[in-house]
Amino acid sequence: MTWFRKLCRRHRPAPPVTTEEAAAQANRAAAALNEARAREPEVRSVAARLRAQREENHFSELILQALREGR
Protein backbone atom coordinates (compact mmCIF):
# COMPACT_ATOMS: atom_id res chain seq x y z
CA MET A 1 0.00 0.00 0.00
CA THR A 2 2.91 2.39 0.56
CA TRP A 3 3.86 2.44 -3.13
CA PHE A 4 0.32 3.51 -3.97
CA ARG A 5 0.44 6.41 -1.50
CA LYS A 6 3.82 7.51 -2.87
CA LEU A 7 2.43 7.41 -6.39
CA CYS A 8 -0.60 9.48 -5.40
CA ARG A 9 1.55 11.99 -3.50
CA ARG A 10 3.87 12.41 -6.45
CA HIS A 11 1.06 13.51 -8.78
CA ARG A 12 -0.69 15.97 -6.50
CA PRO A 13 -1.36 19.34 -8.10
CA ALA A 14 0.62 22.31 -6.87
CA PRO A 15 -1.15 24.50 -4.31
CA PRO A 16 -2.97 27.45 -5.84
CA VAL A 17 -1.28 30.83 -5.91
CA THR A 18 -2.64 33.27 -3.36
CA THR A 19 -3.63 36.80 -4.30
CA GLU A 20 -0.76 38.16 -2.18
CA GLU A 21 1.76 36.02 -4.05
CA ALA A 22 0.28 37.08 -7.38
CA ALA A 23 0.43 40.76 -6.39
CA ALA A 24 4.03 40.41 -5.21
CA GLN A 25 5.01 38.73 -8.48
CA ALA A 26 3.25 41.45 -10.47
CA ASN A 27 5.17 44.11 -8.50
CA ARG A 28 8.48 42.32 -9.14
CA ALA A 29 7.66 42.04 -12.84
CA ALA A 30 6.78 45.73 -13.06
CA ALA A 31 10.01 46.69 -11.28
CA ALA A 32 12.05 44.49 -13.62
CA LEU A 33 10.35 46.02 -16.65
CA ASN A 34 11.07 49.55 -15.40
CA GLU A 35 14.69 48.61 -14.79
CA ALA A 36 15.01 47.15 -18.28
CA ARG A 37 13.46 50.25 -19.83
CA ALA A 38 15.83 52.48 -17.86
CA ARG A 39 18.82 50.59 -19.32
CA GLU A 40 17.51 50.71 -22.90
CA PRO A 41 19.69 53.66 -24.03
CA GLU A 42 22.80 51.95 -22.69
CA VAL A 43 21.91 48.69 -24.42
CA ARG A 44 21.19 50.45 -27.70
CA SER A 45 24.52 52.28 -27.63
CA VAL A 46 26.42 49.05 -26.99
CA ALA A 47 24.51 47.32 -29.79
CA ALA A 48 25.27 50.17 -32.19
CA ARG A 49 28.96 50.07 -31.26
CA LEU A 50 29.11 46.31 -31.81
CA ARG A 51 27.28 46.63 -35.13
CA ALA A 52 29.78 49.25 -36.30
CA GLN A 53 32.72 47.07 -35.25
CA ARG A 54 31.25 44.09 -37.06
CA GLU A 55 30.86 46.08 -40.27
CA GLU A 56 34.37 47.52 -39.91
CA ASN A 57 35.96 44.11 -39.35
CA HIS A 58 34.22 42.40 -42.25
CA PHE A 59 36.96 40.35 -43.88
CA SER A 60 35.24 39.26 -47.10
CA GLU A 61 36.93 41.97 -49.16
CA LEU A 62 40.35 41.05 -47.77
CA ILE A 63 39.79 37.36 -48.44
CA LEU A 64 38.62 37.97 -52.01
CA GLN A 65 41.61 40.20 -52.67
CA ALA A 66 44.01 37.56 -51.31
CA LEU A 67 42.40 34.87 -53.45
CA ARG A 68 42.66 37.03 -56.58
CA GLU A 69 46.33 37.75 -55.92
CA GLY A 70 47.06 34.05 -55.50
CA ARG A 71 45.98 33.19 -59.05
PDB file of N, CA and C in Angstrom:
ATOM      1  N   MET A   1       0.813  -1.198   0.000  1.00  0.00           N
ATOM      2  CA  MET A   1       0.000   0.000   0.000  1.00  0.00           C
ATOM      3  C   MET A   1       0.862   1.271   0.000  1.00  0.00           C
ATOM      4  N   THR A   2       2.081   1.192   0.490  1.00  0.00           N
ATOM      5  CA  THR A   2       2.908   2.393   0.557  1.00  0.00           C
ATOM      6  C   THR A   2       3.287   2.884  -0.827  1.00  0.00           C
ATOM      7  N   TRP A   3       3.507   1.985  -1.791  1.00  0.00           N
ATOM      8  CA  TRP A   3       3.864   2.436  -3.133  1.00  0.00           C
ATOM      9  C   TRP A   3       2.719   3.206  -3.766  1.00  0.00           C
ATOM     10  N   PHE A   4       1.487   2.826  -3.425  1.00  0.00           N
ATOM     11  CA  PHE A   4       0.322   3.512  -3.975  1.00  0.00           C
ATOM     12  C   PHE A   4       0.218   4.924  -3.406  1.00  0.00           C
ATOM     13  N   ARG A   5       0.480   5.076  -2.116  1.00  0.00           N
ATOM     14  CA  ARG A   5       0.443   6.407  -1.500  1.00  0.00           C
ATOM     15  C   ARG A   5       1.537   7.297  -2.074  1.00  0.00           C
ATOM     16  N   LYS A   6       2.728   6.740  -2.275  1.00  0.00           N
ATOM     17  CA  LYS A   6       3.816   7.515  -2.865  1.00  0.00           C
ATOM     18  C   LYS A   6       3.460   7.962  -4.272  1.00  0.00           C
ATOM     19  N   LEU A   7       2.828   7.074  -5.028  1.00  0.00           N
ATOM     20  CA  LEU A   7       2.425   7.414  -6.386  1.00  0.00           C
ATOM     21  C   LEU A   7       1.387   8.528  -6.379  1.00  0.00           C
ATOM     22  N   CYS A   8       0.427   8.444  -5.486  1.00  0.00           N
ATOM     23  CA  CYS A   8      -0.603   9.481  -5.396  1.00  0.00           C
ATOM     24  C   CYS A   8      -0.011  10.813  -4.949  1.00  0.00           C
ATOM     25  N   ARG A   9       0.919  10.772  -3.993  1.00  0.00           N
ATOM     26  CA  ARG A   9       1.546  11.987  -3.502  1.00  0.00           C
ATOM     27  C   ARG A   9       2.382  12.675  -4.582  1.00  0.00           C
ATOM     28  N   ARG A  10       2.999  11.872  -5.417  1.00  0.00           N
ATOM     29  CA  ARG A  10       3.872  12.411  -6.446  1.00  0.00           C
ATOM     30  C   ARG A  10       3.088  13.217  -7.483  1.00  0.00           C
ATOM     31  N   HIS A  11       1.851  12.882  -7.733  1.00  0.00           N
ATOM     32  CA  HIS A  11       1.064  13.513  -8.781  1.00  0.00           C
ATOM     33  C   HIS A  11       0.027  14.486  -8.249  1.00  0.00           C
ATOM     34  N   ARG A  12       0.230  14.975  -7.040  1.00  0.00           N
ATOM     35  CA  ARG A  12      -0.687  15.970  -6.500  1.00  0.00           C
ATOM     36  C   ARG A  12      -0.465  17.292  -7.225  1.00  0.00           C
ATOM     37  N   PRO A  13      -1.542  18.030  -7.465  1.00  0.00           N
ATOM     38  CA  PRO A  13      -1.361  19.338  -8.096  1.00  0.00           C
ATOM     39  C   PRO A  13      -0.701  20.320  -7.124  1.00  0.00           C
ATOM     40  N   ALA A  14      -0.029  21.294  -7.685  1.00  0.00           N
ATOM     41  CA  ALA A  14       0.621  22.313  -6.866  1.00  0.00           C
ATOM     42  C   ALA A  14      -0.451  23.146  -6.166  1.00  0.00           C
ATOM     43  N   PRO A  15      -0.154  23.672  -4.995  1.00  0.00           N
ATOM     44  CA  PRO A  15      -1.152  24.496  -4.311  1.00  0.00           C
ATOM     45  C   PRO A  15      -1.422  25.760  -5.121  1.00  0.00           C
ATOM     46  N   PRO A  16      -2.639  26.258  -5.054  1.00  0.00           N
ATOM     47  CA  PRO A  16      -2.974  27.451  -5.840  1.00  0.00           C
ATOM     48  C   PRO A  16      -2.202  28.675  -5.343  1.00  0.00           C
ATOM     49  N   VAL A  17      -1.991  29.601  -6.227  1.00  0.00           N
ATOM     50  CA  VAL A  17      -1.276  30.830  -5.906  1.00  0.00           C
ATOM     51  C   VAL A  17      -2.240  31.770  -5.192  1.00  0.00           C
ATOM     52  N   THR A  18      -1.787  32.340  -4.100  1.00  0.00           N
ATOM     53  CA  THR A  18      -2.642  33.274  -3.362  1.00  0.00           C
ATOM     54  C   THR A  18      -2.610  34.637  -4.044  1.00  0.00           C
ATOM     55  N   THR A  19      -3.570  35.458  -3.695  1.00  0.00           N
ATOM     56  CA  THR A  19      -3.630  36.797  -4.297  1.00  0.00           C
ATOM     57  C   THR A  19      -2.429  37.632  -3.870  1.00  0.00           C
ATOM     58  N   GLU A  20      -1.934  37.416  -2.639  1.00  0.00           N
ATOM     59  CA  GLU A  20      -0.764  38.165  -2.181  1.00  0.00           C
ATOM     60  C   GLU A  20       0.471  37.769  -2.987  1.00  0.00           C
ATOM     61  N   GLU A  21       0.622  36.477  -3.241  1.00  0.00           N
ATOM     62  CA  GLU A  21       1.756  36.025  -4.047  1.00  0.00           C
ATOM     63  C   GLU A  21       1.659  36.556  -5.472  1.00  0.00           C
ATOM     64  N   ALA A  22       0.461  36.566  -6.022  1.00  0.00           N
ATOM     65  CA  ALA A  22       0.279  37.081  -7.381  1.00  0.00           C
ATOM     66  C   ALA A  22       0.589  38.573  -7.442  1.00  0.00           C
ATOM     67  N   ALA A  23       0.158  39.317  -6.428  1.00  0.00           N
ATOM     68  CA  ALA A  23       0.428  40.759  -6.388  1.00  0.00           C
ATOM     69  C   ALA A  23       1.923  41.021  -6.238  1.00  0.00           C
ATOM     70  N   ALA A  24       2.584  40.236  -5.392  1.00  0.00           N
ATOM     71  CA  ALA A  24       4.028  40.408  -5.209  1.00  0.00           C
ATOM     72  C   ALA A  24       4.770  40.111  -6.509  1.00  0.00           C
ATOM     73  N   GLN A  25       4.370  39.067  -7.205  1.00  0.00           N
ATOM     74  CA  GLN A  25       5.015  38.734  -8.478  1.00  0.00           C
ATOM     75  C   GLN A  25       4.763  39.818  -9.520  1.00  0.00           C
ATOM     76  N   ALA A  26       3.560  40.370  -9.538  1.00  0.00           N
ATOM     77  CA  ALA A  26       3.254  41.455 -10.473  1.00  0.00           C
ATOM     78  C   ALA A  26       4.116  42.677 -10.164  1.00  0.00           C
ATOM     79  N   ASN A  27       4.318  42.968  -8.882  1.00  0.00           N
ATOM     80  CA  ASN A  27       5.165  44.107  -8.500  1.00  0.00           C
ATOM     81  C   ASN A  27       6.612  43.866  -8.917  1.00  0.00           C
ATOM     82  N   ARG A  28       7.110  42.639  -8.715  1.00  0.00           N
ATOM     83  CA  ARG A  28       8.476  42.323  -9.135  1.00  0.00           C
ATOM     84  C   ARG A  28       8.620  42.423 -10.654  1.00  0.00           C
ATOM     85  N   ALA A  29       7.611  41.973 -11.379  1.00  0.00           N
ATOM     86  CA  ALA A  29       7.659  42.044 -12.836  1.00  0.00           C
ATOM     87  C   ALA A  29       7.646  43.493 -13.313  1.00  0.00           C
ATOM     88  N   ALA A  30       6.830  44.317 -12.689  1.00  0.00           N
ATOM     89  CA  ALA A  30       6.777  45.732 -13.064  1.00  0.00           C
ATOM     90  C   ALA A  30       8.106  46.420 -12.765  1.00  0.00           C
ATOM     91  N   ALA A  31       8.715  46.095 -11.626  1.00  0.00           N
ATOM     92  CA  ALA A  31      10.010  46.691 -11.284  1.00  0.00           C
ATOM     93  C   ALA A  31      11.084  46.247 -12.272  1.00  0.00           C
ATOM     94  N   ALA A  32      11.067  44.979 -12.652  1.00  0.00           N
ATOM     95  CA  ALA A  32      12.053  44.485 -13.616  1.00  0.00           C
ATOM     96  C   ALA A  32      11.862  45.144 -14.974  1.00  0.00           C
ATOM     97  N   LEU A  33      10.619  45.354 -15.372  1.00  0.00           N
ATOM     98  CA  LEU A  33      10.349  46.018 -16.649  1.00  0.00           C
ATOM     99  C   LEU A  33      10.839  47.464 -16.619  1.00  0.00           C
ATOM    100  N   ASN A  34      10.589  48.167 -15.518  1.00  0.00           N
ATOM    101  CA  ASN A  34      11.065  49.548 -15.400  1.00  0.00           C
ATOM    102  C   ASN A  34      12.587  49.610 -15.428  1.00  0.00           C
ATOM    103  N   GLU A  35      13.238  48.655 -14.776  1.00  0.00           N
ATOM    104  CA  GLU A  35      14.694  48.613 -14.789  1.00  0.00           C
ATOM    105  C   GLU A  35      15.222  48.349 -16.196  1.00  0.00           C
ATOM    106  N   ALA A  36      14.584  47.456 -16.912  1.00  0.00           N
ATOM    107  CA  ALA A  36      15.011  47.155 -18.283  1.00  0.00           C
ATOM    108  C   ALA A  36      14.811  48.366 -19.183  1.00  0.00           C
ATOM    109  N   ARG A  37      13.700  49.055 -19.013  1.00  0.00           N
ATOM    110  CA  ARG A  37      13.459  50.251 -19.828  1.00  0.00           C
ATOM    111  C   ARG A  37      14.431  51.369 -19.498  1.00  0.00           C
ATOM    112  N   ALA A  38      14.865  51.449 -18.252  1.00  0.00           N
ATOM    113  CA  ALA A  38      15.833  52.477 -17.864  1.00  0.00           C
ATOM    114  C   ALA A  38      17.196  52.202 -18.498  1.00  0.00           C
ATOM    115  N   ARG A  39      17.522  50.947 -18.728  1.00  0.00           N
ATOM    116  CA  ARG A  39      18.816  50.594 -19.324  1.00  0.00           C
ATOM    117  C   ARG A  39      18.774  50.553 -20.843  1.00  0.00           C
ATOM    118  N   GLU A  40      17.632  50.817 -21.445  1.00  0.00           N
ATOM    119  CA  GLU A  40      17.514  50.714 -22.898  1.00  0.00           C
ATOM    120  C   GLU A  40      18.504  51.591 -23.656  1.00  0.00           C
ATOM    121  N   PRO A  41      18.702  52.854 -23.291  1.00  0.00           N
ATOM    122  CA  PRO A  41      19.689  53.662 -24.035  1.00  0.00           C
ATOM    123  C   PRO A  41      21.098  53.075 -23.981  1.00  0.00           C
ATOM    124  N   GLU A  42      21.480  52.559 -22.822  1.00  0.00           N
ATOM    125  CA  GLU A  42      22.804  51.947 -22.688  1.00  0.00           C
ATOM    126  C   GLU A  42      22.928  50.721 -23.589  1.00  0.00           C
ATOM    127  N   VAL A  43      21.895  49.896 -23.599  1.00  0.00           N
ATOM    128  CA  VAL A  43      21.915  48.691 -24.424  1.00  0.00           C
ATOM    129  C   VAL A  43      21.952  49.047 -25.905  1.00  0.00           C
ATOM    130  N   ARG A  44      21.188  50.038 -26.286  1.00  0.00           N
ATOM    131  CA  ARG A  44      21.187  50.452 -27.697  1.00  0.00           C
ATOM    132  C   ARG A  44      22.543  50.998 -28.126  1.00  0.00           C
ATOM    133  N   SER A  45      23.205  51.744 -27.255  1.00  0.00           N
ATOM    134  CA  SER A  45      24.515  52.283 -27.626  1.00  0.00           C
ATOM    135  C   SER A  45      25.546  51.164 -27.769  1.00  0.00           C
ATOM    136  N   VAL A  46      25.499  50.182 -26.880  1.00  0.00           N
ATOM    137  CA  VAL A  46      26.421  49.052 -26.989  1.00  0.00           C
ATOM    138  C   VAL A  46      26.140  48.263 -28.264  1.00  0.00           C
ATOM    139  N   ALA A  47      24.866  48.054 -28.576  1.00  0.00           N
ATOM    140  CA  ALA A  47      24.510  47.318 -29.786  1.00  0.00           C
ATOM    141  C   ALA A  47      24.972  48.071 -31.033  1.00  0.00           C
ATOM    142  N   ALA A  48      24.825  49.391 -31.034  1.00  0.00           N
ATOM    143  CA  ALA A  48      25.268  50.174 -32.188  1.00  0.00           C
ATOM    144  C   ALA A  48      26.791  50.103 -32.334  1.00  0.00           C
ATOM    145  N   ARG A  49      27.502  50.149 -31.207  1.00  0.00           N
ATOM    146  CA  ARG A  49      28.959  50.066 -31.259  1.00  0.00           C
ATOM    147  C   ARG A  49      29.397  48.703 -31.786  1.00  0.00           C
ATOM    148  N   LEU A  50      28.765  47.645 -31.329  1.00  0.00           N
ATOM    149  CA  LEU A  50      29.109  46.311 -31.811  1.00  0.00           C
ATOM    150  C   LEU A  50      28.768  46.139 -33.292  1.00  0.00           C
ATOM    151  N   ARG A  51      27.646  46.714 -33.713  1.00  0.00           N
ATOM    152  CA  ARG A  51      27.276  46.634 -35.129  1.00  0.00           C
ATOM    153  C   ARG A  51      28.308  47.341 -35.988  1.00  0.00           C
ATOM    154  N   ALA A  52      28.770  48.510 -35.540  1.00  0.00           N
ATOM    155  CA  ALA A  52      29.781  49.248 -36.298  1.00  0.00           C
ATOM    156  C   ALA A  52      31.100  48.476 -36.348  1.00  0.00           C
ATOM    157  N   GLN A  53      31.490  47.861 -35.251  1.00  0.00           N
ATOM    158  CA  GLN A  53      32.722  47.069 -35.248  1.00  0.00           C
ATOM    159  C   GLN A  53      32.606  45.868 -36.167  1.00  0.00           C
ATOM    160  N   ARG A  54      31.429  45.248 -36.192  1.00  0.00           N
ATOM    161  CA  ARG A  54      31.251  44.087 -37.058  1.00  0.00           C
ATOM    162  C   ARG A  54      31.353  44.488 -38.528  1.00  0.00           C
ATOM    163  N   GLU A  55      30.771  45.627 -38.886  1.00  0.00           N
ATOM    164  CA  GLU A  55      30.862  46.082 -40.271  1.00  0.00           C
ATOM    165  C   GLU A  55      32.298  46.488 -40.624  1.00  0.00           C
ATOM    166  N   GLU A  56      33.002  47.079 -39.677  1.00  0.00           N
ATOM    167  CA  GLU A  56      34.372  47.519 -39.910  1.00  0.00           C
ATOM    168  C   GLU A  56      35.309  46.321 -40.069  1.00  0.00           C
ATOM    169  N   ASN A  57      35.080  45.269 -39.338  1.00  0.00           N
ATOM    170  CA  ASN A  57      35.960  44.110 -39.354  1.00  0.00           C
ATOM    171  C   ASN A  57      35.461  43.017 -40.288  1.00  0.00           C
ATOM    172  N   HIS A  58      34.729  43.384 -41.309  1.00  0.00           N
ATOM    173  CA  HIS A  58      34.215  42.402 -42.249  1.00  0.00           C
ATOM    174  C   HIS A  58      35.350  42.024 -43.206  1.00  0.00           C
ATOM    175  N   PHE A  59      35.754  40.781 -43.179  1.00  0.00           N
ATOM    176  CA  PHE A  59      36.956  40.353 -43.884  1.00  0.00           C
ATOM    177  C   PHE A  59      36.709  39.808 -45.284  1.00  0.00           C
ATOM    178  N   SER A  60      35.488  39.864 -45.790  1.00  0.00           N
ATOM    179  CA  SER A  60      35.236  39.258 -47.097  1.00  0.00           C
ATOM    180  C   SER A  60      36.043  39.944 -48.195  1.00  0.00           C
ATOM    181  N   GLU A  61      36.163  41.261 -48.144  1.00  0.00           N
ATOM    182  CA  GLU A  61      36.929  41.972 -49.162  1.00  0.00           C
ATOM    183  C   GLU A  61      38.401  41.577 -49.109  1.00  0.00           C
ATOM    184  N   LEU A  62      38.952  41.447 -47.906  1.00  0.00           N
ATOM    185  CA  LEU A  62      40.353  41.054 -47.771  1.00  0.00           C
ATOM    186  C   LEU A  62      40.585  39.634 -48.273  1.00  0.00           C
ATOM    187  N   ILE A  63      39.647  38.750 -48.004  1.00  0.00           N
ATOM    188  CA  ILE A  63      39.787  37.362 -48.435  1.00  0.00           C
ATOM    189  C   ILE A  63      39.702  37.275 -49.957  1.00  0.00           C
ATOM    190  N   LEU A  64      38.744  37.982 -50.553  1.00  0.00           N
ATOM    191  CA  LEU A  64      38.621  37.969 -52.015  1.00  0.00           C
ATOM    192  C   LEU A  64      39.876  38.539 -52.675  1.00  0.00           C
ATOM    193  N   GLN A  65      40.405  39.601 -52.114  1.00  0.00           N
ATOM    194  CA  GLN A  65      41.615  40.196 -52.671  1.00  0.00           C
ATOM    195  C   GLN A  65      42.782  39.207 -52.565  1.00  0.00           C
ATOM    196  N   ALA A  66      42.927  38.529 -51.464  1.00  0.00           N
ATOM    197  CA  ALA A  66      44.007  37.565 -51.307  1.00  0.00           C
ATOM    198  C   ALA A  66      43.848  36.402 -52.276  1.00  0.00           C
ATOM    199  N   LEU A  67      42.625  35.963 -52.505  1.00  0.00           N
ATOM    200  CA  LEU A  67      42.399  34.870 -53.452  1.00  0.00           C
ATOM    201  C   LEU A  67      42.715  35.297 -54.884  1.00  0.00           C
ATOM    202  N   ARG A  68      42.381  36.522 -55.226  1.00  0.00           N
ATOM    203  CA  ARG A  68      42.660  37.026 -56.577  1.00  0.00           C
ATOM    204  C   ARG A  68      44.169  37.155 -56.809  1.00  0.00           C
ATOM    205  N   GLU A  69      44.884  37.590 -55.795  1.00  0.00           N
ATOM    206  CA  GLU A  69      46.335  37.746 -55.919  1.00  0.00           C
ATOM    207  C   GLU A  69      47.033  36.407 -56.029  1.00  0.00           C
ATOM    208  N   GLY A  70      46.454  35.363 -55.481  1.00  0.00           N
ATOM    209  CA  GLY A  70      47.061  34.052 -55.505  1.00  0.00           C
ATOM    210  C   GLY A  70      46.987  33.367 -56.843  1.00  0.00           C
ATOM    211  N   ARG A  71      46.153  33.833 -57.737  1.00  0.00           N
ATOM    212  CA  ARG A  71      45.981  33.187 -59.048  1.00  0.00           C
ATOM    213  C   ARG A  71      47.135  33.426 -59.940  1.00  0.00           C
TER     214      ARG A  71
END
